[in-house]
Amino acid sequence: MTDLTAQMYKLKVQGHRFPLATPYVLKCTFALKGKSTTDLDNMISSVCDILQDAGIIEDDKDIIEIQAGKIQGHTDYTTQITIAYA
């Protein structure tokens, strides 16, 4: 079971239904090992595509606000995603 599948299962057990109702506010925090040359907009785009492909959101065009940041120098790569209703 992938981490995404496991997380979606936990949300479904808690009573969440997918795709989520619209519109959304998306918040992403990317913790990176060392320095990163990856553009923040590319990282956000990847998250939006994954959320849509996984069926968590119906269409990323329904995201009306995005808050995002990169934190460098961590021991591992992690991404924290928060989706809130607008």
N, C-alpha and C. Protein backbone atom coordinates (compact mmCIF):
# COMPACT_ATOMS: atom_id res chain seq x y z
N MET A 1 0.85 -1.18 0.00
CA MET A 1 0.00 0.00 0.00
C MET A 1 0.89 1.24 0.00
N THR A 2 0.68 2.13 -0.95
CA THR A 2 1.47 3.35 -0.99
C THR A 2 1.07 4.28 0.14
N ASP A 3 1.94 5.24 0.43
CA ASP A 3 1.64 6.20 1.50
C ASP A 3 0.37 6.98 1.19
N LEU A 4 0.19 7.37 -0.09
CA LEU A 4 -1.01 8.12 -0.47
C LEU A 4 -2.25 7.26 -0.28
N THR A 5 -2.19 6.00 -0.68
CA THR A 5 -3.33 5.10 -0.52
C THR A 5 -3.65 4.92 0.96
N ALA A 6 -2.63 4.76 1.77
CA ALA A 6 -2.83 4.60 3.22
C ALA A 6 -3.47 5.84 3.82
N GLN A 7 -3.01 7.01 3.42
CA GLN A 7 -3.57 8.25 3.95
C GLN A 7 -5.02 8.43 3.51
N MET A 8 -5.33 8.08 2.26
CA MET A 8 -6.71 8.20 1.78
C MET A 8 -7.62 7.24 2.53
N TYR A 9 -7.13 6.02 2.81
CA TYR A 9 -7.91 5.05 3.57
C TYR A 9 -8.23 5.60 4.95
N LYS A 10 -7.25 6.20 5.61
CA LYS A 10 -7.47 6.79 6.93
C LYS A 10 -8.55 7.88 6.86
N LEU A 11 -8.50 8.71 5.83
CA LEU A 11 -9.49 9.78 5.68
C LEU A 11 -10.89 9.20 5.43
N LYS A 12 -10.98 8.15 4.62
CA LYS A 12 -12.28 7.53 4.34
C LYS A 12 -12.86 6.90 5.60
N VAL A 13 -12.01 6.26 6.42
CA VAL A 13 -12.46 5.68 7.67
C VAL A 13 -13.01 6.76 8.59
N GLN A 14 -12.43 7.95 8.54
CA GLN A 14 -12.89 9.07 9.37
C GLN A 14 -14.17 9.70 8.82
N GLY A 15 -14.66 9.23 7.66
CA GLY A 15 -15.91 9.73 7.12
C GLY A 15 -15.78 10.76 6.02
N HIS A 16 -14.57 11.03 5.54
CA HIS A 16 -14.38 11.99 4.45
C HIS A 16 -14.82 11.36 3.13
N ARG A 17 -15.42 12.16 2.27
CA ARG A 17 -15.86 11.68 0.96
C ARG A 17 -15.06 12.39 -0.12
N PHE A 18 -14.77 11.65 -1.18
CA PHE A 18 -13.99 12.20 -2.28
C PHE A 18 -14.76 12.09 -3.56
N PRO A 19 -14.62 13.01 -4.51
CA PRO A 19 -13.79 14.20 -4.36
C PRO A 19 -14.42 15.20 -3.38
N LEU A 20 -13.58 16.03 -2.82
CA LEU A 20 -14.03 17.04 -1.86
C LEU A 20 -14.90 18.08 -2.56
N ALA A 21 -15.77 18.71 -1.78
CA ALA A 21 -16.61 19.79 -2.32
C ALA A 21 -15.72 20.99 -2.65
N THR A 22 -16.19 21.83 -3.54
CA THR A 22 -15.40 22.98 -4.00
C THR A 22 -15.95 24.26 -3.41
N PRO A 23 -15.23 25.35 -3.45
CA PRO A 23 -13.83 25.58 -3.83
C PRO A 23 -12.88 25.26 -2.68
N TYR A 24 -11.58 25.21 -2.99
CA TYR A 24 -10.56 24.83 -2.02
C TYR A 24 -9.51 25.92 -1.85
N VAL A 25 -8.87 25.85 -0.67
CA VAL A 25 -7.64 26.59 -0.41
C VAL A 25 -6.59 25.52 -0.15
N LEU A 26 -5.45 25.59 -0.83
CA LEU A 26 -4.41 24.58 -0.72
C LEU A 26 -3.18 25.19 -0.05
N LYS A 27 -2.66 24.47 0.95
CA LYS A 27 -1.43 24.91 1.61
C LYS A 27 -0.42 23.77 1.53
N CYS A 28 0.78 24.05 1.02
CA CYS A 28 1.83 23.04 0.87
C CYS A 28 3.12 23.54 1.51
N THR A 29 3.74 22.68 2.30
CA THR A 29 5.05 22.96 2.85
C THR A 29 5.97 21.83 2.43
N PHE A 30 7.05 22.17 1.75
CA PHE A 30 8.00 21.19 1.24
C PHE A 30 9.29 21.27 2.07
N ALA A 31 9.60 20.20 2.80
CA ALA A 31 10.86 20.12 3.55
C ALA A 31 11.86 19.37 2.67
N LEU A 32 13.00 19.96 2.43
CA LEU A 32 13.95 19.43 1.45
C LEU A 32 15.31 19.14 2.09
N LYS A 33 15.98 18.11 1.57
CA LYS A 33 17.35 17.82 1.99
C LYS A 33 18.28 18.80 1.31
N GLY A 34 19.15 19.43 2.07
CA GLY A 34 20.13 20.35 1.48
C GLY A 34 19.47 21.48 0.73
N LYS A 35 20.16 21.97 -0.30
CA LYS A 35 19.61 23.04 -1.13
C LYS A 35 18.83 22.44 -2.28
N SER A 36 17.79 23.12 -2.70
CA SER A 36 16.97 22.62 -3.80
C SER A 36 16.99 23.62 -4.95
N THR A 37 17.13 23.08 -6.14
CA THR A 37 17.06 23.92 -7.34
C THR A 37 15.70 23.77 -8.02
N THR A 38 14.81 22.97 -7.41
CA THR A 38 13.49 22.76 -7.98
C THR A 38 12.63 24.01 -7.77
N ASP A 39 11.94 24.44 -8.81
CA ASP A 39 11.06 25.60 -8.71
C ASP A 39 9.84 25.27 -7.88
N LEU A 40 9.46 26.20 -7.01
CA LEU A 40 8.30 26.00 -6.15
C LEU A 40 7.03 25.79 -6.98
N ASP A 41 6.89 26.53 -8.08
CA ASP A 41 5.67 26.38 -8.89
C ASP A 41 5.57 24.98 -9.50
N ASN A 42 6.70 24.36 -9.84
CA ASN A 42 6.67 22.99 -10.36
C ASN A 42 6.26 22.00 -9.27
N MET A 43 6.71 22.23 -8.05
CA MET A 43 6.35 21.36 -6.92
C MET A 43 4.85 21.46 -6.64
N ILE A 44 4.32 22.67 -6.67
CA ILE A 44 2.88 22.88 -6.44
C ILE A 44 2.07 22.20 -7.55
N SER A 45 2.51 22.35 -8.77
CA SER A 45 1.82 21.74 -9.91
C SER A 45 1.75 20.22 -9.76
N SER A 46 2.85 19.62 -9.30
CA SER A 46 2.87 18.17 -9.09
C SER A 46 1.86 17.75 -8.02
N VAL A 47 1.79 18.50 -6.93
CA VAL A 47 0.83 18.18 -5.87
C VAL A 47 -0.60 18.28 -6.40
N CYS A 48 -0.89 19.33 -7.15
CA CYS A 48 -2.24 19.50 -7.72
C CYS A 48 -2.59 18.33 -8.63
N ASP A 49 -1.65 17.92 -9.46
CA ASP A 49 -1.88 16.79 -10.36
C ASP A 49 -2.13 15.50 -9.59
N ILE A 50 -1.36 15.25 -8.54
CA ILE A 50 -1.52 14.05 -7.73
C ILE A 50 -2.88 14.05 -7.04
N LEU A 51 -3.27 15.18 -6.45
CA LEU A 51 -4.57 15.27 -5.77
C LEU A 51 -5.72 14.99 -6.74
N GLN A 52 -5.59 15.50 -7.95
CA GLN A 52 -6.63 15.30 -8.96
C GLN A 52 -6.62 13.85 -9.46
N ASP A 53 -5.45 13.30 -9.77
CA ASP A 53 -5.34 11.92 -10.26
C ASP A 53 -5.82 10.91 -9.21
N ALA A 54 -5.60 11.22 -7.93
CA ALA A 54 -6.01 10.31 -6.85
C ALA A 54 -7.49 10.42 -6.54
N GLY A 55 -8.17 11.41 -7.13
CA GLY A 55 -9.59 11.57 -6.89
C GLY A 55 -9.93 12.31 -5.61
N ILE A 56 -8.93 12.93 -4.98
CA ILE A 56 -9.19 13.70 -3.76
C ILE A 56 -9.92 14.99 -4.10
N ILE A 57 -9.49 15.62 -5.18
CA ILE A 57 -10.21 16.79 -5.70
C ILE A 57 -10.64 16.46 -7.13
N GLU A 58 -11.72 17.08 -7.57
CA GLU A 58 -12.22 16.79 -8.90
C GLU A 58 -11.38 17.47 -9.98
N ASP A 59 -11.06 18.73 -9.76
CA ASP A 59 -10.30 19.49 -10.76
C ASP A 59 -9.51 20.57 -10.05
N ASP A 60 -8.23 20.69 -10.38
CA ASP A 60 -7.41 21.70 -9.69
C ASP A 60 -7.77 23.13 -10.09
N LYS A 61 -8.64 23.29 -11.08
CA LYS A 61 -9.12 24.64 -11.41
C LYS A 61 -10.00 25.20 -10.29
N ASP A 62 -10.48 24.32 -9.39
CA ASP A 62 -11.33 24.74 -8.27
C ASP A 62 -10.54 25.24 -7.07
N ILE A 63 -9.22 25.23 -7.16
CA ILE A 63 -8.38 25.79 -6.10
C ILE A 63 -8.35 27.30 -6.30
N ILE A 64 -8.81 28.04 -5.29
CA ILE A 64 -8.90 29.49 -5.43
C ILE A 64 -7.77 30.24 -4.73
N GLU A 65 -7.01 29.52 -3.89
CA GLU A 65 -5.88 30.16 -3.20
C GLU A 65 -4.85 29.09 -2.89
N ILE A 66 -3.58 29.44 -3.05
CA ILE A 66 -2.48 28.53 -2.73
C ILE A 66 -1.49 29.27 -1.84
N GLN A 67 -1.12 28.61 -0.74
CA GLN A 67 -0.05 29.09 0.14
C GLN A 67 1.02 28.01 0.11
N ALA A 68 2.26 28.37 -0.19
CA ALA A 68 3.30 27.36 -0.32
C ALA A 68 4.66 27.90 0.11
N GLY A 69 5.51 26.97 0.56
CA GLY A 69 6.86 27.35 0.93
C GLY A 69 7.80 26.15 0.94
N LYS A 70 9.10 26.46 0.80
CA LYS A 70 10.14 25.44 0.87
C LYS A 70 10.98 25.69 2.11
N ILE A 71 11.32 24.61 2.81
CA ILE A 71 12.23 24.68 3.94
C ILE A 71 13.40 23.78 3.60
N GLN A 72 14.60 24.34 3.55
CA GLN A 72 15.77 23.57 3.13
C GLN A 72 16.59 23.11 4.33
N GLY A 73 17.38 22.06 4.11
CA GLY A 73 18.30 21.59 5.14
C GLY A 73 17.77 20.49 6.04
N HIS A 74 16.67 19.84 5.67
CA HIS A 74 16.14 18.74 6.48
C HIS A 74 16.89 17.45 6.17
N THR A 75 16.72 16.45 7.03
CA THR A 75 17.40 15.16 6.83
C THR A 75 16.67 14.28 5.82
N ASP A 76 15.44 14.60 5.49
CA ASP A 76 14.67 13.82 4.53
C ASP A 76 13.70 14.75 3.80
N TYR A 77 13.15 14.23 2.70
CA TYR A 77 12.15 14.99 1.95
C TYR A 77 10.77 14.68 2.51
N THR A 78 10.02 15.70 2.87
CA THR A 78 8.62 15.51 3.29
C THR A 78 7.78 16.64 2.71
N THR A 79 6.51 16.34 2.52
CA THR A 79 5.57 17.34 2.02
C THR A 79 4.34 17.31 2.90
N GLN A 80 3.95 18.47 3.43
CA GLN A 80 2.72 18.57 4.22
C GLN A 80 1.70 19.30 3.37
N ILE A 81 0.52 18.70 3.21
CA ILE A 81 -0.54 19.28 2.39
C ILE A 81 -1.76 19.46 3.25
N THR A 82 -2.33 20.66 3.19
CA THR A 82 -3.58 20.95 3.88
C THR A 82 -4.57 21.49 2.85
N ILE A 83 -5.77 20.92 2.84
CA ILE A 83 -6.83 21.38 1.95
C ILE A 83 -7.95 21.88 2.83
N ALA A 84 -8.36 23.11 2.62
CA ALA A 84 -9.46 23.70 3.38
C ALA A 84 -10.53 24.19 2.42
N TYR A 85 -11.75 24.19 2.89
CA TYR A 85 -12.84 24.74 2.07
C TYR A 85 -12.81 26.25 2.16
N ALA A 86 -13.04 26.90 1.04
CA ALA A 86 -13.00 28.35 0.99
C ALA A 86 -14.29 28.94 1.54
